């Protein structure tokens, strides 16, 4: 099985604050998805490329919180994105650390209280 994750959702309470956080940390833009009564903004989707598409979601009754699903974002150097996360209203929970032959990781808390992982090979 190659890349078993087919989609991810990050639940938020304040969509504009969350979009600003992820735009600041990753330099990305979002696209509004038509989704009935849900407010969904998708990260860039390249269906033929590597990785999993996903979106920020604002849904009544589903709040963000640490300890839910942990999503790792690929980075050139996870220390750079961790620093940006702290500057963009998040919090660095675990500074860059080696995971041996698998590279490095850092854990941050986003502007909505979600824990996300950052992964890089350098």
C-alpha atoms as a PDB file:
ATOM      1  CA  UNK A   1       0.000   0.000   0.000  1.00  0.00           C
ATOM      2  CA  UNK A   2       1.472   3.365  -1.052  1.00  0.00           C
ATOM      3  CA  UNK A   3       0.695   6.487   1.003  1.00  0.00           C
ATOM      4  CA  UNK A   4      -2.428   5.113   2.735  1.00  0.00           C
ATOM      5  CA  UNK A   5      -3.702   8.536   3.878  1.00  0.00           C
ATOM      6  CA  UNK A   6      -6.087   9.777   1.196  1.00  0.00           C
ATOM      7  CA  UNK A   7      -7.405  12.967   2.845  1.00  0.00           C
ATOM      8  CA  UNK A   8      -7.011  14.967   6.040  1.00  0.00           C
ATOM      9  CA  UNK A   9      -9.102  17.548   7.857  1.00  0.00           C
ATOM     10  CA  UNK A  10      -7.969  20.045  10.476  1.00  0.00           C
ATOM     11  CA  UNK A  11     -10.880  21.293  12.573  1.00  0.00           C
ATOM     12  CA  UNK A  12     -10.919  24.986  13.484  1.00  0.00           C
ATOM     13  CA  UNK A  13     -13.027  27.488  15.412  1.00  0.00           C
ATOM     14  CA  UNK A  14     -11.826  30.669  13.647  1.00  0.00           C
ATOM     15  CA  UNK A  15     -11.327  30.051   9.916  1.00  0.00           C
ATOM     16  CA  UNK A  16      -9.619  33.363   9.111  1.00  0.00           C
ATOM     17  CA  UNK A  17      -7.165  32.970  11.990  1.00  0.00           C
ATOM     18  CA  UNK A  18      -6.422  29.361  10.967  1.00  0.00           C
ATOM     19  CA  UNK A  19      -5.920  30.249   7.296  1.00  0.00           C
ATOM     20  CA  UNK A  20      -3.586  33.089   8.270  1.00  0.00           C
ATOM     21  CA  UNK A  21      -1.560  30.732  10.486  1.00  0.00           C
ATOM     22  CA  UNK A  22      -1.069  28.079   7.777  1.00  0.00           C
ATOM     23  CA  UNK A  23      -0.399  30.704   5.102  1.00  0.00           C
ATOM     24  CA  UNK A  24       2.272  32.263   7.333  1.00  0.00           C
ATOM     25  CA  UNK A  25       3.955  28.972   8.212  1.00  0.00           C
ATOM     26  CA  UNK A  26       3.859  27.229   4.814  1.00  0.00           C
ATOM     27  CA  UNK A  27       3.395  30.096   2.329  1.00  0.00           C
ATOM     28  CA  UNK A  28       0.320  28.390   0.895  1.00  0.00           C
ATOM     29  CA  UNK A  29      -3.016  29.606  -0.440  1.00  0.00           C
ATOM     30  CA  UNK A  30      -6.397  27.979   0.126  1.00  0.00           C
ATOM     31  CA  UNK A  31      -9.312  27.245  -2.198  1.00  0.00           C
ATOM     32  CA  UNK A  32     -12.911  27.360  -0.953  1.00  0.00           C
ATOM     33  CA  UNK A  33     -14.680  24.009  -1.365  1.00  0.00           C
ATOM     34  CA  UNK A  34     -18.445  23.826  -1.824  1.00  0.00           C
ATOM     35  CA  UNK A  35     -19.605  21.643   1.033  1.00  0.00           C
ATOM     36  CA  UNK A  36     -23.149  22.437   2.109  1.00  0.00           C
ATOM     37  CA  UNK A  37     -23.293  23.864   5.613  1.00  0.00           C
ATOM     38  CA  UNK A  38     -19.596  23.212   6.325  1.00  0.00           C
ATOM     39  CA  UNK A  39     -16.949  25.851   5.750  1.00  0.00           C
ATOM     40  CA  UNK A  40     -14.033  24.138   3.999  1.00  0.00           C
ATOM     41  CA  UNK A  41     -10.828  25.638   2.635  1.00  0.00           C
ATOM     42  CA  UNK A  42      -8.507  23.193   0.856  1.00  0.00           C
ATOM     43  CA  UNK A  43      -4.755  23.164   0.874  1.00  0.00           C
ATOM     44  CA  UNK A  44      -3.351  23.042  -2.696  1.00  0.00           C
ATOM     45  CA  UNK A  45      -4.281  19.749  -4.351  1.00  0.00           C
ATOM     46  CA  UNK A  46      -2.084  18.098  -6.970  1.00  0.00           C
ATOM     47  CA  UNK A  47      -3.849  14.806  -7.574  1.00  0.00           C
ATOM     48  CA  UNK A  48      -1.014  13.347  -9.645  1.00  0.00           C
ATOM     49  CA  UNK A  49       1.657  14.331  -7.097  1.00  0.00           C
ATOM     50  CA  UNK A  50       3.034  12.885  -3.884  1.00  0.00           C
ATOM     51  CA  UNK A  51       1.180  13.360  -0.613  1.00  0.00           C
ATOM     52  CA  UNK A  52      -2.373  13.698   0.586  1.00  0.00           C
ATOM     53  CA  UNK A  53      -4.864  16.487  -0.076  1.00  0.00           C
ATOM     54  CA  UNK A  54      -6.738  18.026   2.824  1.00  0.00           C
ATOM     55  CA  UNK A  55      -8.630  21.028   4.153  1.00  0.00           C
ATOM     56  CA  UNK A  56      -9.333  23.270   7.107  1.00  0.00           C
ATOM     57  CA  UNK A  57     -12.877  22.515   8.332  1.00  0.00           C
ATOM     58  CA  UNK A  58     -15.269  24.490  10.491  1.00  0.00           C
ATOM     59  CA  UNK A  59     -18.053  22.157  11.577  1.00  0.00           C
ATOM     60  CA  UNK A  60     -20.437  22.638  14.499  1.00  0.00           C
ATOM     61  CA  UNK A  61     -19.771  20.065  17.193  1.00  0.00           C
ATOM     62  CA  UNK A  62     -16.259  19.136  16.016  1.00  0.00           C
ATOM     63  CA  UNK A  63     -13.657  21.231  17.791  1.00  0.00           C
ATOM     64  CA  UNK A  64      -9.905  21.263  17.481  1.00  0.00           C
ATOM     65  CA  UNK A  65      -7.899  19.814  20.339  1.00  0.00           C
ATOM     66  CA  UNK A  66      -4.479  18.372  21.071  1.00  0.00           C
ATOM     67  CA  UNK A  67      -4.355  14.594  21.143  1.00  0.00           C
ATOM     68  CA  UNK A  68      -6.518  13.934  18.098  1.00  0.00           C
ATOM     69  CA  UNK A  69      -5.071  12.763  14.799  1.00  0.00           C
ATOM     70  CA  UNK A  70      -1.474  13.911  14.247  1.00  0.00           C
ATOM     71  CA  UNK A  71      -0.684  15.066  10.727  1.00  0.00           C
ATOM     72  CA  UNK A  72       2.917  15.589   9.613  1.00  0.00           C
ATOM     73  CA  UNK A  73       3.670  18.262   7.023  1.00  0.00           C
ATOM     74  CA  UNK A  74       6.757  17.721   4.864  1.00  0.00           C
ATOM     75  CA  UNK A  75       9.308  20.555   4.987  1.00  0.00           C
ATOM     76  CA  UNK A  76      12.820  21.331   3.705  1.00  0.00           C
ATOM     77  CA  UNK A  77      13.922  21.936   7.305  1.00  0.00           C
ATOM     78  CA  UNK A  78      11.326  21.459  10.039  1.00  0.00           C
ATOM     79  CA  UNK A  79      13.144  23.961  12.301  1.00  0.00           C
ATOM     80  CA  UNK A  80      12.278  26.751   9.842  1.00  0.00           C
ATOM     81  CA  UNK A  81       8.543  25.979   9.856  1.00  0.00           C
ATOM     82  CA  UNK A  82       8.562  25.494  13.652  1.00  0.00           C
ATOM     83  CA  UNK A  83      10.012  28.998  14.061  1.00  0.00           C
ATOM     84  CA  UNK A  84       7.407  30.410  11.665  1.00  0.00           C
ATOM     85  CA  UNK A  85       4.652  28.628  13.614  1.00  0.00           C
ATOM     86  CA  UNK A  86       5.734  30.363  16.812  1.00  0.00           C
ATOM     87  CA  UNK A  87       5.805  33.719  15.025  1.00  0.00           C
ATOM     88  CA  UNK A  88       2.359  33.137  13.464  1.00  0.00           C
ATOM     89  CA  UNK A  89       0.484  32.678  16.744  1.00  0.00           C
ATOM     90  CA  UNK A  90       1.231  29.027  17.382  1.00  0.00           C
ATOM     91  CA  UNK A  91       3.518  27.384  19.913  1.00  0.00           C
ATOM     92  CA  UNK A  92       6.542  25.142  19.429  1.00  0.00           C
ATOM     93  CA  UNK A  93       5.852  22.090  21.570  1.00  0.00           C
ATOM     94  CA  UNK A  94       8.955  20.103  20.622  1.00  0.00           C
ATOM     95  CA  UNK A  95      11.971  21.601  18.898  1.00  0.00           C
ATOM     96  CA  UNK A  96      13.600  19.826  15.946  1.00  0.00           C
ATOM     97  CA  UNK A  97      14.805  16.369  16.919  1.00  0.00           C
ATOM     98  CA  UNK A  98      16.428  13.526  15.032  1.00  0.00           C
ATOM     99  CA  UNK A  99      14.489  10.366  14.267  1.00  0.00           C
ATOM    100  CA  UNK A 100      17.589   8.655  12.928  1.00  0.00           C
ATOM    101  CA  UNK A 101      17.633   7.524   9.325  1.00  0.00           C
ATOM    102  CA  UNK A 102      14.094   8.886   8.893  1.00  0.00           C
ATOM    103  CA  UNK A 103      15.131  12.523   9.279  1.00  0.00           C
ATOM    104  CA  UNK A 104      13.876  15.071  11.797  1.00  0.00           C
ATOM    105  CA  UNK A 105      10.593  16.138  13.325  1.00  0.00           C
ATOM    106  CA  UNK A 106       9.191  19.028  15.318  1.00  0.00           C
ATOM    107  CA  UNK A 107       5.773  19.332  16.983  1.00  0.00           C
ATOM    108  CA  UNK A 108       3.821  22.584  17.104  1.00  0.00           C
ATOM    109  CA  UNK A 109       0.422  23.746  18.307  1.00  0.00           C
ATOM    110  CA  UNK A 110      -1.421  25.755  15.641  1.00  0.00           C
ATOM    111  CA  UNK A 111      -3.524  28.880  16.173  1.00  0.00           C
ATOM    112  CA  UNK A 112      -6.592  26.686  16.883  1.00  0.00           C
ATOM    113  CA  UNK A 113      -5.013  24.405  19.485  1.00  0.00           C
ATOM    114  CA  UNK A 114      -4.330  21.493  17.105  1.00  0.00           C
ATOM    115  CA  UNK A 115      -1.033  19.612  17.434  1.00  0.00           C
ATOM    116  CA  UNK A 116       0.662  19.154  14.046  1.00  0.00           C
ATOM    117  CA  UNK A 117       3.938  17.532  13.123  1.00  0.00           C
ATOM    118  CA  UNK A 118       6.665  18.844  10.850  1.00  0.00           C
ATOM    119  CA  UNK A 119       9.008  16.405   9.096  1.00  0.00           C
ATOM    120  CA  UNK A 120      12.203  16.986   7.116  1.00  0.00           C
ATOM    121  CA  UNK A 121      15.154  14.909   6.019  1.00  0.00           C
ATOM    122  CA  UNK A 122      17.673  17.615   6.993  1.00  0.00           C
END
